[in-house]
Amino acid sequence: MNDPRISRLKWHCRRGMRELDVLLEKYLAHRYEDAPPVEQAAFETLLSLQDPEILDLITGRVIAEDVDLRDVVKRLLTDS
């Protein structure tokens, strides 16, 4: 991955919780580059959130109002 954008995203996948690191990095490595632009943007939005917010979305404690964000969370969970 020599693409600076991918390197930046990989850095943002590094979270305070190892479980989130694994989930986010796996998506980035296996799905992100082939995902449609709207899904890529939703993933980047997800990375801009704080760890507790991401965890709440992934565990289903909170449902994202944004449909694209909700879809990328579903994708993260089904691809893991």
N, C-alpha and C. Protein backbone atom coordinates (compact mmCIF):
# COMPACT_ATOMS: atom_id res chain seq x y z
N MET A 1 0.83 -1.19 0.00
CA MET A 1 0.00 0.00 0.00
C MET A 1 0.87 1.25 0.00
N ASN A 2 1.22 1.70 -1.17
CA ASN A 2 2.02 2.91 -1.27
C ASN A 2 1.17 4.16 -1.47
N ASP A 3 -0.11 3.99 -1.62
CA ASP A 3 -1.03 5.09 -1.80
C ASP A 3 -1.12 5.89 -0.49
N PRO A 4 -0.77 7.18 -0.53
CA PRO A 4 -0.80 7.99 0.69
C PRO A 4 -2.19 8.03 1.35
N ARG A 5 -3.23 8.01 0.55
CA ARG A 5 -4.59 8.04 1.10
C ARG A 5 -4.87 6.77 1.91
N ILE A 6 -4.48 5.63 1.37
CA ILE A 6 -4.68 4.36 2.07
C ILE A 6 -3.82 4.32 3.33
N SER A 7 -2.61 4.82 3.24
CA SER A 7 -1.74 4.86 4.42
C SER A 7 -2.34 5.73 5.52
N ARG A 8 -2.92 6.84 5.13
CA ARG A 8 -3.58 7.73 6.10
C ARG A 8 -4.77 7.03 6.74
N LEU A 9 -5.56 6.35 5.93
CA LEU A 9 -6.71 5.62 6.46
C LEU A 9 -6.27 4.50 7.40
N LYS A 10 -5.20 3.82 7.01
CA LYS A 10 -4.69 2.74 7.87
C LYS A 10 -4.29 3.31 9.23
N TRP A 11 -3.68 4.45 9.23
CA TRP A 11 -3.31 5.10 10.49
C TRP A 11 -4.56 5.41 11.32
N HIS A 12 -5.62 5.87 10.67
CA HIS A 12 -6.86 6.19 11.38
C HIS A 12 -7.61 4.94 11.86
N CYS A 13 -7.28 3.80 11.28
CA CYS A 13 -7.88 2.53 11.75
C CYS A 13 -7.28 2.10 13.09
N ARG A 14 -6.15 2.66 13.45
CA ARG A 14 -5.51 2.31 14.71
C ARG A 14 -6.24 3.04 15.83
N ARG A 15 -6.92 2.27 16.64
CA ARG A 15 -7.76 2.83 17.68
C ARG A 15 -7.23 2.47 19.05
N GLY A 16 -7.93 2.86 20.07
CA GLY A 16 -7.55 2.53 21.43
C GLY A 16 -7.97 1.13 21.83
N MET A 17 -8.78 0.50 21.01
CA MET A 17 -9.26 -0.85 21.30
C MET A 17 -8.78 -1.78 20.19
N ARG A 18 -8.08 -2.82 20.56
CA ARG A 18 -7.53 -3.75 19.57
C ARG A 18 -8.63 -4.37 18.70
N GLU A 19 -9.77 -4.65 19.29
CA GLU A 19 -10.87 -5.26 18.53
C GLU A 19 -11.31 -4.34 17.38
N LEU A 20 -11.36 -3.05 17.65
CA LEU A 20 -11.72 -2.11 16.59
C LEU A 20 -10.62 -2.05 15.53
N ASP A 21 -9.36 -2.06 15.96
CA ASP A 21 -8.24 -2.07 15.02
C ASP A 21 -8.41 -3.19 14.01
N VAL A 22 -8.64 -4.39 14.52
CA VAL A 22 -8.73 -5.57 13.67
C VAL A 22 -9.89 -5.44 12.69
N LEU A 23 -11.04 -5.06 13.18
CA LEU A 23 -12.23 -4.94 12.34
C LEU A 23 -12.05 -3.89 11.25
N LEU A 24 -11.57 -2.72 11.64
CA LEU A 24 -11.40 -1.62 10.69
C LEU A 24 -10.29 -1.89 9.68
N GLU A 25 -9.18 -2.42 10.14
CA GLU A 25 -8.06 -2.71 9.24
C GLU A 25 -8.43 -3.82 8.25
N LYS A 26 -9.21 -4.79 8.69
CA LYS A 26 -9.64 -5.86 7.80
C LYS A 26 -10.52 -5.28 6.68
N TYR A 27 -11.44 -4.43 7.04
CA TYR A 27 -12.29 -3.78 6.03
C TYR A 27 -11.43 -2.99 5.05
N LEU A 28 -10.51 -2.22 5.57
CA LEU A 28 -9.65 -1.40 4.72
C LEU A 28 -8.86 -2.27 3.75
N ALA A 29 -8.31 -3.36 4.23
CA ALA A 29 -7.48 -4.23 3.40
C ALA A 29 -8.27 -5.02 2.36
N HIS A 30 -9.49 -5.43 2.73
CA HIS A 30 -10.21 -6.36 1.86
C HIS A 30 -11.39 -5.76 1.10
N ARG A 31 -11.87 -4.62 1.51
CA ARG A 31 -13.11 -4.11 0.91
C ARG A 31 -13.02 -2.67 0.39
N TYR A 32 -12.28 -1.83 1.11
CA TYR A 32 -12.33 -0.39 0.86
C TYR A 32 -12.06 0.01 -0.60
N GLU A 33 -10.98 -0.47 -1.18
CA GLU A 33 -10.59 0.00 -2.51
C GLU A 33 -11.61 -0.37 -3.59
N ASP A 34 -12.34 -1.45 -3.41
CA ASP A 34 -13.34 -1.87 -4.39
C ASP A 34 -14.75 -1.36 -4.07
N ALA A 35 -14.88 -0.72 -2.94
CA ALA A 35 -16.19 -0.21 -2.52
C ALA A 35 -16.58 1.00 -3.35
N PRO A 36 -17.88 1.20 -3.53
CA PRO A 36 -18.33 2.41 -4.24
C PRO A 36 -17.94 3.67 -3.44
N PRO A 37 -17.79 4.79 -4.11
CA PRO A 37 -17.38 6.03 -3.44
C PRO A 37 -18.24 6.40 -2.23
N VAL A 38 -19.53 6.16 -2.29
CA VAL A 38 -20.40 6.51 -1.16
C VAL A 38 -20.06 5.64 0.06
N GLU A 39 -19.71 4.39 -0.18
CA GLU A 39 -19.33 3.50 0.93
C GLU A 39 -17.96 3.91 1.49
N GLN A 40 -17.04 4.28 0.60
CA GLN A 40 -15.73 4.76 1.05
C GLN A 40 -15.89 6.00 1.93
N ALA A 41 -16.74 6.91 1.50
CA ALA A 41 -16.97 8.14 2.28
C ALA A 41 -17.58 7.81 3.64
N ALA A 42 -18.50 6.85 3.67
CA ALA A 42 -19.12 6.46 4.95
C ALA A 42 -18.08 5.84 5.87
N PHE A 43 -17.17 5.04 5.32
CA PHE A 43 -16.10 4.45 6.12
C PHE A 43 -15.21 5.54 6.70
N GLU A 44 -14.89 6.53 5.90
CA GLU A 44 -14.07 7.64 6.38
C GLU A 44 -14.80 8.42 7.47
N THR A 45 -16.10 8.58 7.32
CA THR A 45 -16.90 9.22 8.37
C THR A 45 -16.84 8.40 9.65
N LEU A 46 -16.97 7.09 9.52
CA LEU A 46 -16.88 6.21 10.68
C LEU A 46 -15.55 6.40 11.39
N LEU A 47 -14.46 6.49 10.63
CA LEU A 47 -13.13 6.66 11.23
C LEU A 47 -12.99 8.00 11.95
N SER A 48 -13.83 8.97 11.60
CA SER A 48 -13.74 10.29 12.25
C SER A 48 -14.41 10.29 13.63
N LEU A 49 -15.15 9.23 13.94
CA LEU A 49 -15.84 9.14 15.22
C LEU A 49 -14.90 8.69 16.33
N GLN A 50 -15.29 8.94 17.55
CA GLN A 50 -14.54 8.48 18.72
C GLN A 50 -14.79 6.98 18.92
N ASP A 51 -13.85 6.31 19.56
CA ASP A 51 -13.96 4.86 19.78
C ASP A 51 -15.28 4.44 20.41
N PRO A 52 -15.75 5.10 21.47
CA PRO A 52 -17.03 4.67 22.07
C PRO A 52 -18.21 4.77 21.09
N GLU A 53 -18.17 5.78 20.22
CA GLU A 53 -19.23 5.94 19.23
C GLU A 53 -19.19 4.80 18.21
N ILE A 54 -17.99 4.46 17.76
CA ILE A 54 -17.84 3.35 16.81
C ILE A 54 -18.30 2.05 17.47
N LEU A 55 -17.89 1.83 18.69
CA LEU A 55 -18.28 0.62 19.41
C LEU A 55 -19.79 0.53 19.56
N ASP A 56 -20.43 1.64 19.89
CA ASP A 56 -21.89 1.66 20.02
C ASP A 56 -22.57 1.29 18.70
N LEU A 57 -22.03 1.78 17.59
CA LEU A 57 -22.60 1.45 16.28
C LEU A 57 -22.39 -0.02 15.94
N ILE A 58 -21.21 -0.53 16.23
CA ILE A 58 -20.89 -1.92 15.88
C ILE A 58 -21.66 -2.91 16.75
N THR A 59 -21.87 -2.57 17.99
CA THR A 59 -22.59 -3.47 18.89
C THR A 59 -24.10 -3.33 18.76
N GLY A 60 -24.56 -2.31 18.04
CA GLY A 60 -25.98 -2.12 17.85
C GLY A 60 -26.66 -1.34 18.96
N ARG A 61 -25.87 -0.83 19.90
CA ARG A 61 -26.46 -0.01 20.97
C ARG A 61 -27.03 1.29 20.41
N VAL A 62 -26.41 1.74 19.32
CA VAL A 62 -26.86 2.95 18.63
C VAL A 62 -26.99 2.61 17.15
N ILE A 63 -28.04 3.07 16.53
CA ILE A 63 -28.23 2.89 15.10
C ILE A 63 -27.97 4.24 14.43
N ALA A 64 -27.07 4.24 13.46
CA ALA A 64 -26.74 5.49 12.76
C ALA A 64 -27.95 6.02 12.02
N GLU A 65 -28.17 7.31 12.12
CA GLU A 65 -29.25 7.94 11.38
C GLU A 65 -28.91 7.99 9.89
N ASP A 66 -27.65 8.16 9.58
CA ASP A 66 -27.19 8.23 8.20
C ASP A 66 -27.21 6.82 7.59
N VAL A 67 -27.96 6.66 6.51
CA VAL A 67 -28.12 5.35 5.88
C VAL A 67 -26.79 4.79 5.40
N ASP A 68 -25.94 5.63 4.82
CA ASP A 68 -24.66 5.16 4.30
C ASP A 68 -23.76 4.68 5.43
N LEU A 69 -23.77 5.38 6.54
CA LEU A 69 -22.98 4.96 7.70
C LEU A 69 -23.53 3.65 8.25
N ARG A 70 -24.82 3.55 8.31
CA ARG A 70 -25.46 2.31 8.78
C ARG A 70 -25.07 1.14 7.87
N ASP A 71 -25.04 1.39 6.56
CA ASP A 71 -24.68 0.33 5.61
C ASP A 71 -23.22 -0.10 5.74
N VAL A 72 -22.32 0.86 5.97
CA VAL A 72 -20.91 0.48 6.10
C VAL A 72 -20.69 -0.29 7.40
N VAL A 73 -21.42 0.02 8.44
CA VAL A 73 -21.32 -0.74 9.69
C VAL A 73 -21.79 -2.17 9.44
N LYS A 74 -22.89 -2.34 8.72
CA LYS A 74 -23.37 -3.68 8.37
C LYS A 74 -22.31 -4.44 7.57
N ARG A 75 -21.69 -3.75 6.64
CA ARG A 75 -20.65 -4.36 5.81
C ARG A 75 -19.46 -4.81 6.67
N LEU A 76 -19.07 -3.96 7.61
CA LEU A 76 -17.98 -4.32 8.51
C LEU A 76 -18.30 -5.62 9.26
N LEU A 77 -19.51 -5.74 9.71
CA LEU A 77 -19.91 -6.89 10.51
C LEU A 77 -20.09 -8.15 9.67
N THR A 78 -20.58 -8.01 8.44
CA THR A 78 -20.80 -9.19 7.61
C THR A 78 -19.51 -9.68 6.96
N ASP A 79 -18.56 -8.79 6.76
CA ASP A 79 -17.29 -9.18 6.14
C ASP A 79 -16.28 -9.69 7.15
N SER A 80 -16.60 -9.60 8.44
CA SER A 80 -15.60 -10.00 9.44
C SER A 80 -15.63 -11.50 9.70
